[in-house]
PDB file of N, CA and C in Angstrom:
ATOM      1  N   UNK A   1    -205.512  40.967  87.063  1.00  0.00           N
ATOM      2  CA  UNK A   1    -204.126  41.746  87.651  1.00  0.00           C
ATOM      3  C   UNK A   1    -203.432  40.984  87.329  1.00  0.00           C
ATOM      4  N   UNK A   2    -202.990  39.447  87.712  1.00  0.00           N
ATOM      5  CA  UNK A   2    -201.967  38.355  86.543  1.00  0.00           C
ATOM      6  C   UNK A   2    -202.030  38.309  85.634  1.00  0.00           C
ATOM      7  N   UNK A   3    -203.140  38.358  84.701  1.00  0.00           N
ATOM      8  CA  UNK A   3    -202.728  39.065  83.207  1.00  0.00           C
ATOM      9  C   UNK A   3    -201.854  40.203  83.204  1.00  0.00           C
ATOM     10  N   UNK A   4    -201.722  41.115  83.934  1.00  0.00           N
ATOM     11  CA  UNK A   4    -200.734  42.192  83.309  1.00  0.00           C
ATOM     12  C   UNK A   4    -199.432  42.156  83.850  1.00  0.00           C
ATOM     13  N   UNK A   5    -199.530  41.321  85.168  1.00  0.00           N
ATOM     14  CA  UNK A   5    -198.124  41.318  85.941  1.00  0.00           C
ATOM     15  C   UNK A   5    -197.366  40.134  84.674  1.00  0.00           C
ATOM     16  N   UNK A   6    -198.320  39.404  84.015  1.00  0.00           N
ATOM     17  CA  UNK A   6    -198.097  38.416  83.066  1.00  0.00           C
ATOM     18  C   UNK A   6    -197.596  39.192  81.980  1.00  0.00           C
ATOM     19  N   UNK A   7    -198.171  39.998  81.321  1.00  0.00           N
ATOM     20  CA  UNK A   7    -197.375  40.807  79.919  1.00  0.00           C
ATOM     21  C   UNK A   7    -196.589  41.693  80.269  1.00  0.00           C
ATOM     22  N   UNK A   8    -196.079  41.740  81.046  1.00  0.00           N
ATOM     23  CA  UNK A   8    -194.920  42.453  81.987  1.00  0.00           C
ATOM     24  C   UNK A   8    -193.645  41.450  82.021  1.00  0.00           C
ATOM     25  N   UNK A   9    -194.296  40.455  82.372  1.00  0.00           N
ATOM     26  CA  UNK A   9    -193.023  39.813  83.332  1.00  0.00           C
ATOM     27  C   UNK A   9    -192.916  39.596  80.967  1.00  0.00           C
ATOM     28  N   UNK A  10    -193.708  38.989  80.564  1.00  0.00           N
ATOM     29  CA  UNK A  10    -193.496  38.502  78.550  1.00  0.00           C
ATOM     30  C   UNK A  10    -192.663  40.071  78.397  1.00  0.00           C
ATOM     31  N   UNK A  11    -192.929  40.988  78.504  1.00  0.00           N
ATOM     32  CA  UNK A  11    -191.944  42.526  77.799  1.00  0.00           C
ATOM     33  C   UNK A  11    -190.576  42.611  78.546  1.00  0.00           C
ATOM     34  N   UNK A  12    -190.986  42.016  79.938  1.00  0.00           N
ATOM     35  CA  UNK A  12    -189.460  42.157  80.560  1.00  0.00           C
ATOM     36  C   UNK A  12    -188.231  40.871  79.688  1.00  0.00           C
ATOM     37  N   UNK A  13    -188.757  40.051  79.403  1.00  0.00           N
ATOM     38  CA  UNK A  13    -188.514  38.623  79.214  1.00  0.00           C
ATOM     39  C   UNK A  13    -187.742  37.981  77.695  1.00  0.00           C
ATOM     40  N   UNK A  14    -188.917  38.850  76.992  1.00  0.00           N
ATOM     41  CA  UNK A  14    -188.439  39.303  75.425  1.00  0.00           C
ATOM     42  C   UNK A  14    -187.579  40.524  75.006  1.00  0.00           C
ATOM     43  N   UNK A  15    -186.153  39.935  74.183  1.00  0.00           N
ATOM     44  CA  UNK A  15    -185.637  41.453  74.099  1.00  0.00           C
ATOM     45  C   UNK A  15    -185.970  42.191  72.645  1.00  0.00           C
ATOM     46  N   UNK A  16    -186.813  41.334  72.223  1.00  0.00           N
ATOM     47  CA  UNK A  16    -187.562  41.853  71.282  1.00  0.00           C
ATOM     48  C   UNK A  16    -188.862  43.172  71.513  1.00  0.00           C
ATOM     49  N   UNK A  17    -189.298  43.013  72.531  1.00  0.00           N
ATOM     50  CA  UNK A  17    -190.417  43.255  72.789  1.00  0.00           C
ATOM     51  C   UNK A  17    -189.931  44.399  74.130  1.00  0.00           C
ATOM     52  N   UNK A  18    -188.761  44.395  75.036  1.00  0.00           N
ATOM     53  CA  UNK A  18    -188.807  45.131  76.067  1.00  0.00           C
ATOM     54  C   UNK A  18    -187.717  45.736  75.022  1.00  0.00           C
ATOM     55  N   UNK A  19    -186.573  45.929  74.063  1.00  0.00           N
ATOM     56  CA  UNK A  19    -186.533  46.981  73.352  1.00  0.00           C
ATOM     57  C   UNK A  19    -187.522  47.636  71.547  1.00  0.00           C
ATOM     58  N   UNK A  20    -188.370  46.889  71.784  1.00  0.00           N
ATOM     59  CA  UNK A  20    -189.031  47.257  70.535  1.00  0.00           C
ATOM     60  C   UNK A  20    -189.817  49.071  70.747  1.00  0.00           C
ATOM     61  N   UNK A  21    -189.395  49.517  69.572  1.00  0.00           N
ATOM     62  CA  UNK A  21    -189.960  50.705  69.213  1.00  0.00           C
ATOM     63  C   UNK A  21    -191.669  50.831  69.405  1.00  0.00           C
ATOM     64  N   UNK A  22    -191.950  51.926  70.100  1.00  0.00           N
ATOM     65  CA  UNK A  22    -192.620  52.396  70.224  1.00  0.00           C
ATOM     66  C   UNK A  22    -194.562  51.751  69.680  1.00  0.00           C
ATOM     67  N   UNK A  23    -194.428  52.006  68.600  1.00  0.00           N
ATOM     68  CA  UNK A  23    -195.458  50.998  67.678  1.00  0.00           C
ATOM     69  C   UNK A  23    -195.922  49.790  68.054  1.00  0.00           C
ATOM     70  N   UNK A  24    -194.732  49.465  68.051  1.00  0.00           N
ATOM     71  CA  UNK A  24    -194.405  47.908  68.273  1.00  0.00           C
ATOM     72  C   UNK A  24    -195.155  47.319  69.504  1.00  0.00           C
ATOM     73  N   UNK A  25    -194.663  47.509  70.696  1.00  0.00           N
ATOM     74  CA  UNK A  25    -194.860  47.452  71.549  1.00  0.00           C
ATOM     75  C   UNK A  25    -196.636  48.138  72.034  1.00  0.00           C
ATOM     76  N   UNK A  26    -197.240  49.050  71.401  1.00  0.00           N
ATOM     77  CA  UNK A  26    -198.059  49.836  71.663  1.00  0.00           C
ATOM     78  C   UNK A  26    -199.003  48.818  71.567  1.00  0.00           C
ATOM     79  N   UNK A  27    -198.809  48.087  69.693  1.00  0.00           N
ATOM     80  CA  UNK A  27    -199.796  46.957  68.929  1.00  0.00           C
ATOM     81  C   UNK A  27    -199.492  45.926  70.067  1.00  0.00           C
ATOM     82  N   UNK A  28    -198.713  45.212  70.647  1.00  0.00           N
ATOM     83  CA  UNK A  28    -198.616  44.300  71.644  1.00  0.00           C
ATOM     84  C   UNK A  28    -199.719  44.744  72.442  1.00  0.00           C
ATOM     85  N   UNK A  29    -199.373  45.713  73.649  1.00  0.00           N
ATOM     86  CA  UNK A  29    -200.678  46.044  74.684  1.00  0.00           C
ATOM     87  C   UNK A  29    -201.938  46.300  74.356  1.00  0.00           C
ATOM     88  N   UNK A  30    -202.557  46.679  72.685  1.00  0.00           N
ATOM     89  CA  UNK A  30    -203.497  46.809  72.034  1.00  0.00           C
ATOM     90  C   UNK A  30    -203.671  45.363  71.908  1.00  0.00           C
ATOM     91  N   UNK A  31    -203.537  44.546  71.690  1.00  0.00           N
ATOM     92  CA  UNK A  31    -204.186  43.269  71.424  1.00  0.00           C
ATOM     93  C   UNK A  31    -204.196  42.567  72.950  1.00  0.00           C
ATOM     94  N   UNK A  32    -203.174  43.227  73.914  1.00  0.00           N
ATOM     95  CA  UNK A  32    -203.856  42.322  75.097  1.00  0.00           C
ATOM     96  C   UNK A  32    -205.324  43.436  75.995  1.00  0.00           C
ATOM     97  N   UNK A  33    -205.537  44.005  75.134  1.00  0.00           N
ATOM     98  CA  UNK A  33    -206.236  44.777  75.770  1.00  0.00           C
ATOM     99  C   UNK A  33    -206.137  45.394  77.263  1.00  0.00           C
ATOM    100  N   UNK A  34    -205.422  46.452  77.330  1.00  0.00           N
ATOM    101  CA  UNK A  34    -204.618  47.066  78.623  1.00  0.00           C
ATOM    102  C   UNK A  34    -205.498  48.214  78.402  1.00  0.00           C
ATOM    103  N   UNK A  35    -205.884  49.133  79.356  1.00  0.00           N
ATOM    104  CA  UNK A  35    -206.337  50.270  79.921  1.00  0.00           C
ATOM    105  C   UNK A  35    -205.277  51.623  78.923  1.00  0.00           C
ATOM    106  N   UNK A  36    -206.086  52.303  78.778  1.00  0.00           N
ATOM    107  CA  UNK A  36    -205.103  53.099  77.696  1.00  0.00           C
ATOM    108  C   UNK A  36    -204.129  54.004  79.002  1.00  0.00           C
ATOM    109  N   UNK A  37    -204.720  54.028  79.974  1.00  0.00           N
ATOM    110  CA  UNK A  37    -203.734  54.712  81.146  1.00  0.00           C
ATOM    111  C   UNK A  37    -202.216  53.493  81.150  1.00  0.00           C
ATOM    112  N   UNK A  38    -202.759  52.395  81.517  1.00  0.00           N
ATOM    113  CA  UNK A  38    -201.393  51.317  81.520  1.00  0.00           C
ATOM    114  C   UNK A  38    -201.308  51.407  80.680  1.00  0.00           C
ATOM    115  N   UNK A  39    -201.218  51.641  79.447  1.00  0.00           N
ATOM    116  CA  UNK A  39    -200.776  50.576  77.813  1.00  0.00           C
ATOM    117  C   UNK A  39    -199.594  52.381  77.940  1.00  0.00           C
ATOM    118  N   UNK A  40    -199.871  53.911  78.137  1.00  0.00           N
ATOM    119  CA  UNK A  40    -199.354  54.425  77.832  1.00  0.00           C
ATOM    120  C   UNK A  40    -198.134  54.616  79.212  1.00  0.00           C
ATOM    121  N   UNK A  41    -198.385  54.581  80.091  1.00  0.00           N
ATOM    122  CA  UNK A  41    -197.368  53.716  81.151  1.00  0.00           C
ATOM    123  C   UNK A  41    -195.794  53.236  80.422  1.00  0.00           C
ATOM    124  N   UNK A  42    -196.584  51.923  80.422  1.00  0.00           N
ATOM    125  CA  UNK A  42    -195.553  51.204  79.613  1.00  0.00           C
ATOM    126  C   UNK A  42    -194.894  51.305  78.698  1.00  0.00           C
ATOM    127  N   UNK A  43    -196.460  51.763  78.114  1.00  0.00           N
ATOM    128  CA  UNK A  43    -195.108  52.402  76.835  1.00  0.00           C
ATOM    129  C   UNK A  43    -193.632  53.049  76.847  1.00  0.00           C
ATOM    130  N   UNK A  44    -194.236  54.067  77.956  1.00  0.00           N
ATOM    131  CA  UNK A  44    -193.036  55.638  78.265  1.00  0.00           C
ATOM    132  C   UNK A  44    -192.105  54.968  79.034  1.00  0.00           C
ATOM    133  N   UNK A  45    -192.350  53.889  80.249  1.00  0.00           N
ATOM    134  CA  UNK A  45    -191.514  53.395  80.638  1.00  0.00           C
ATOM    135  C   UNK A  45    -191.259  53.950  82.373  1.00  0.00           C
ATOM    136  N   UNK A  46    -192.672  54.763  82.731  1.00  0.00           N
ATOM    137  CA  UNK A  46    -193.203  55.046  84.068  1.00  0.00           C
ATOM    138  C   UNK A  46    -192.668  54.649  84.955  1.00  0.00           C
ATOM    139  N   UNK A  47    -192.181  54.042  85.499  1.00  0.00           N
ATOM    140  CA  UNK A  47    -191.899  52.971  86.626  1.00  0.00           C
ATOM    141  C   UNK A  47    -193.482  53.635  87.672  1.00  0.00           C
ATOM    142  N   UNK A  48    -193.070  54.924  87.777  1.00  0.00           N
ATOM    143  CA  UNK A  48    -193.895  55.319  89.640  1.00  0.00           C
ATOM    144  C   UNK A  48    -195.185  54.955  89.088  1.00  0.00           C
ATOM    145  N   UNK A  49    -195.439  55.569  87.212  1.00  0.00           N
ATOM    146  CA  UNK A  49    -197.157  55.133  87.184  1.00  0.00           C
ATOM    147  C   UNK A  49    -197.758  53.754  87.346  1.00  0.00           C
ATOM    148  N   UNK A  50    -196.566  52.615  86.270  1.00  0.00           N
ATOM    149  CA  UNK A  50    -197.095  51.635  87.164  1.00  0.00           C
ATOM    150  C   UNK A  50    -197.303  50.914  88.508  1.00  0.00           C
ATOM    151  N   UNK A  51    -195.946  51.661  88.850  1.00  0.00           N
ATOM    152  CA  UNK A  51    -196.259  51.173  90.586  1.00  0.00           C
ATOM    153  C   UNK A  51    -197.602  51.459  91.173  1.00  0.00           C
ATOM    154  N   UNK A  52    -198.025  52.736  90.635  1.00  0.00           N
ATOM    155  CA  UNK A  52    -199.195  53.422  91.213  1.00  0.00           C
ATOM    156  C   UNK A  52    -200.618  52.786  90.597  1.00  0.00           C
ATOM    157  N   UNK A  53    -200.682  52.692  89.541  1.00  0.00           N
ATOM    158  CA  UNK A  53    -201.925  51.579  88.875  1.00  0.00           C
ATOM    159  C   UNK A  53    -201.831  49.950  89.744  1.00  0.00           C
ATOM    160  N   UNK A  54    -200.704  49.537  89.685  1.00  0.00           N
ATOM    161  CA  UNK A  54    -200.779  48.458  90.204  1.00  0.00           C
ATOM    162  C   UNK A  54    -200.926  48.469  91.573  1.00  0.00           C
ATOM    163  N   UNK A  55    -200.808  49.365  92.266  1.00  0.00           N
ATOM    164  CA  UNK A  55    -200.827  49.893  93.503  1.00  0.00           C
ATOM    165  C   UNK A  55    -199.593  48.805  94.431  1.00  0.00           C
ATOM    166  N   UNK A  56    -198.609  48.505  93.497  1.00  0.00           N
ATOM    167  CA  UNK A  56    -197.180  48.235  94.455  1.00  0.00           C
ATOM    168  C   UNK A  56    -196.290  50.203  95.215  1.00  0.00           C
ATOM    169  N   UNK A  57    -195.967  49.594  96.013  1.00  0.00           N
ATOM    170  CA  UNK A  57    -195.158  50.576  97.020  1.00  0.00           C
ATOM    171  C   UNK A  57    -193.749  50.485  96.412  1.00  0.00           C
ATOM    172  N   UNK A  58    -193.137  51.607  96.163  1.00  0.00           N
ATOM    173  CA  UNK A  58    -191.681  51.248  95.729  1.00  0.00           C
ATOM    174  C   UNK A  58    -190.749  51.614  96.882  1.00  0.00           C
ATOM    175  N   UNK A  59    -189.801  50.529  97.284  1.00  0.00           N
ATOM    176  CA  UNK A  59    -188.682  49.719  97.770  1.00  0.00           C
ATOM    177  C   UNK A  59    -187.359  50.230  97.654  1.00  0.00           C
ATOM    178  N   UNK A  60    -186.901  51.208  97.797  1.00  0.00           N
ATOM    179  CA  UNK A  60    -185.980  52.172  97.485  1.00  0.00           C
ATOM    180  C   UNK A  60    -184.673  51.024  97.753  1.00  0.00           C
ATOM    181  N   UNK A  61    -183.963  51.665  96.299  1.00  0.00           N
ATOM    182  CA  UNK A  61    -182.425  50.744  97.248  1.00  0.00           C
ATOM    183  C   UNK A  61    -181.477  50.790  97.523  1.00  0.00           C
ATOM    184  N   UNK A  62    -181.160  49.758  98.344  1.00  0.00           N
ATOM    185  CA  UNK A  62    -180.362  49.910  99.608  1.00  0.00           C
ATOM    186  C   UNK A  62    -178.856  49.027  99.438  1.00  0.00           C
ATOM    187  N   UNK A  63    -177.895  49.347  99.760  1.00  0.00           N
ATOM    188  CA  UNK A  63    -176.428  48.120  99.900  1.00  0.00           C
ATOM    189  C   UNK A  63    -176.965  47.546 101.025  1.00  0.00           C
ATOM    190  N   UNK A  64    -176.668  46.184 100.362  1.00  0.00           N
ATOM    191  CA  UNK A  64    -177.201  44.927 101.441  1.00  0.00           C
ATOM    192  C   UNK A  64    -175.261  45.136 101.887  1.00  0.00           C
ATOM    193  N   UNK A  65    -175.510  45.260 103.527  1.00  0.00           N
ATOM    194  CA  UNK A  65    -174.854  45.217 104.431  1.00  0.00           C
ATOM    195  C   UNK A  65    -174.954  43.832 105.463  1.00  0.00           C
ATOM    196  N   UNK A  66    -173.573  43.261 105.539  1.00  0.00           N
ATOM    197  CA  UNK A  66    -173.564  42.086 106.155  1.00  0.00           C
ATOM    198  C   UNK A  66    -173.408  41.784 107.962  1.00  0.00           C
ATOM    199  N   UNK A  67    -174.083  41.865 108.914  1.00  0.00           N
ATOM    200  CA  UNK A  67    -174.120  42.045 110.612  1.00  0.00           C
ATOM    201  C   UNK A  67    -173.023  41.174 110.766  1.00  0.00           C
ATOM    202  N   UNK A  68    -172.327  41.974 110.838  1.00  0.00           N
ATOM    203  CA  UNK A  68    -170.950  41.532 111.971  1.00  0.00           C
ATOM    204  C   UNK A  68    -170.742  41.862 113.052  1.00  0.00           C
ATOM    205  N   UNK A  69    -170.974  40.783 114.179  1.00  0.00           N
ATOM    206  CA  UNK A  69    -171.349  40.096 115.328  1.00  0.00           C
ATOM    207  C   UNK A  69    -169.502  40.619 115.725  1.00  0.00           C
ATOM    208  N   UNK A  70    -168.494  42.064 116.862  1.00  0.00           N
ATOM    209  CA  UNK A  70    -167.660  41.693 117.369  1.00  0.00           C
ATOM    210  C   UNK A  70    -167.814  41.622 119.451  1.00  0.00           C
ATOM    211  N   UNK A  71    -167.339  40.323 119.355  1.00  0.00           N
ATOM    212  CA  UNK A  71    -167.379  40.091 121.027  1.00  0.00           C
ATOM    213  C   UNK A  71    -166.398  40.915 121.467  1.00  0.00           C
ATOM    214  N   UNK A  72    -166.630  41.287 122.518  1.00  0.00           N
ATOM    215  CA  UNK A  72    -165.387  42.068 123.897  1.00  0.00           C
ATOM    216  C   UNK A  72    -165.173  40.853 124.203  1.00  0.00           C
ATOM    217  N   UNK A  73    -163.830  41.004 123.661  1.00  0.00           N
ATOM    218  CA  UNK A  73    -163.471  39.905 124.536  1.00  0.00           C
ATOM    219  C   UNK A  73    -162.987  40.240 126.233  1.00  0.00           C
ATOM    220  N   UNK A  74    -163.203  41.451 126.363  1.00  0.00           N
ATOM    221  CA  UNK A  74    -162.751  41.601 127.755  1.00  0.00           C
ATOM    222  C   UNK A  74    -164.303  41.863 128.986  1.00  0.00           C
TER     223      UNK A  74
END
């Protein structure tokens, strides 16, 4: 799993890989010897499939609200 995370981190942090044509990205994935299913999910940008393959749960985006406590002066 660590190798998988390292690979995803490398793709995300390297602009030449992050926006690479599918053929180039597939070459990188083949060199990393990832499974066909994982490679397909990465190459297609299928976040739902990646989360499923990695066993991750999706955390919905929610606005951050600052809690403010108002004291009743009465």
